[in-house]
Amino acid sequence: MKILLSSHLEIRLKERKIPRNYPNKILSKPDAQYIDIRTGYNIAMRKMEYNFKLRPMVVVYDIISPEVQVITIHPISSQEIENKL
């Protein structure tokens, strides 16, 4: 499956100084996956090193067969995860 990076994602990667390969790593081996019931987007989460700490990182993506379009990426706290579930 081909993975496309949105222009929004490209901006966020630069702003947040997140390595460009993180979306692919998270999508290839997520620790957890969810569906946002409000937007219908898919969410993959994986603990990754970010700012010298191991943190949960979230990738929001849409499946537009046969491609996956990654919309955004951001770190998330364990508390935020619990609040959203």
Protein backbone atom coordinates (compact mmCIF):
# COMPACT_ATOMS: atom_id res chain seq x y z
CA MET A 1 0.00 0.00 0.00
CA LYS A 2 1.34 3.41 -0.97
CA ILE A 3 1.60 6.04 1.79
CA LEU A 4 1.04 9.69 0.87
CA LEU A 5 2.02 12.55 3.17
CA SER A 6 -0.35 15.52 3.25
CA SER A 7 0.96 19.07 3.02
CA HIS A 8 -0.40 19.63 6.55
CA LEU A 9 1.70 16.70 7.77
CA GLU A 10 4.83 18.05 6.08
CA ILE A 11 4.38 21.34 7.96
CA ARG A 12 3.80 19.56 11.29
CA LEU A 13 6.89 17.38 10.85
CA LYS A 14 9.03 20.50 10.42
CA GLU A 15 7.34 22.54 13.17
CA ARG A 16 7.51 19.75 15.72
CA LYS A 17 10.94 18.51 14.59
CA ILE A 18 9.61 14.97 14.12
CA PRO A 19 11.71 12.66 11.95
CA ARG A 20 10.22 12.22 8.48
CA ASN A 21 10.22 8.42 8.77
CA TYR A 22 8.04 8.34 11.92
CA PRO A 23 4.67 8.15 10.11
CA ASN A 24 5.80 5.04 8.21
CA LYS A 25 7.25 3.45 11.36
CA ILE A 26 4.07 4.08 13.33
CA LEU A 27 1.83 2.77 10.56
CA SER A 28 3.94 -0.34 9.98
CA LYS A 29 3.94 -1.45 13.65
CA PRO A 30 1.37 0.44 15.75
CA ASP A 31 0.94 -0.35 19.45
CA ALA A 32 -2.76 0.46 19.09
CA GLN A 33 -5.24 1.49 16.41
CA TYR A 34 -8.51 3.41 16.70
CA ILE A 35 -11.16 5.04 14.54
CA ASP A 36 -12.28 8.58 15.29
CA ILE A 37 -16.07 8.27 15.30
CA ARG A 38 -16.54 12.00 14.60
CA THR A 39 -14.30 12.24 11.53
CA GLY A 40 -14.06 8.61 10.41
CA TYR A 41 -10.27 8.92 10.28
CA ASN A 42 -8.02 6.08 11.36
CA ILE A 43 -5.58 6.61 14.21
CA ALA A 44 -2.41 4.64 14.86
CA MET A 45 -0.39 5.06 18.03
CA ARG A 46 3.11 3.89 18.91
CA LYS A 47 5.64 4.85 21.56
CA MET A 48 8.56 6.60 19.89
CA GLU A 49 11.47 8.69 21.07
CA TYR A 50 10.56 12.37 20.88
CA ASN A 51 12.44 15.22 22.57
CA PHE A 52 14.70 12.69 24.31
CA LYS A 53 11.75 10.83 25.88
CA LEU A 54 9.78 7.75 24.94
CA ARG A 55 6.31 9.16 24.20
CA PRO A 56 3.14 7.91 22.55
CA MET A 57 2.95 9.37 19.04
CA VAL A 58 -0.29 9.47 17.08
CA VAL A 59 -0.69 9.37 13.31
CA VAL A 60 -4.07 10.32 11.87
CA TYR A 61 -4.71 8.90 8.41
CA ASP A 62 -7.36 8.14 5.82
CA ILE A 63 -7.51 5.09 3.58
CA ILE A 64 -8.26 6.06 0.01
CA SER A 65 -7.82 2.70 -1.65
CA PRO A 66 -5.18 1.70 -2.68
CA GLU A 67 -3.40 4.52 -0.84
CA VAL A 68 -3.07 5.73 2.72
CA GLN A 69 -2.99 9.49 3.19
CA VAL A 70 -1.35 10.57 6.43
CA ILE A 71 -3.03 13.73 7.67
CA THR A 72 -1.08 14.65 10.80
CA ILE A 73 1.21 13.41 13.56
CA HIS A 74 1.66 14.55 17.13
CA PRO A 75 2.80 13.39 20.56
CA ILE A 76 0.06 12.58 23.04
CA SER A 77 0.08 11.98 26.78
CA SER A 78 -1.28 8.86 28.44
CA GLN A 79 -3.90 11.03 30.15
CA GLU A 80 -5.07 12.44 26.79
CA ILE A 81 -5.42 8.89 25.45
CA GLU A 82 -7.57 7.85 28.42
CA ASN A 83 -9.74 10.96 28.08
CA LYS A 84 -10.43 10.23 24.41
CA LEU A 85 -11.35 6.56 24.81
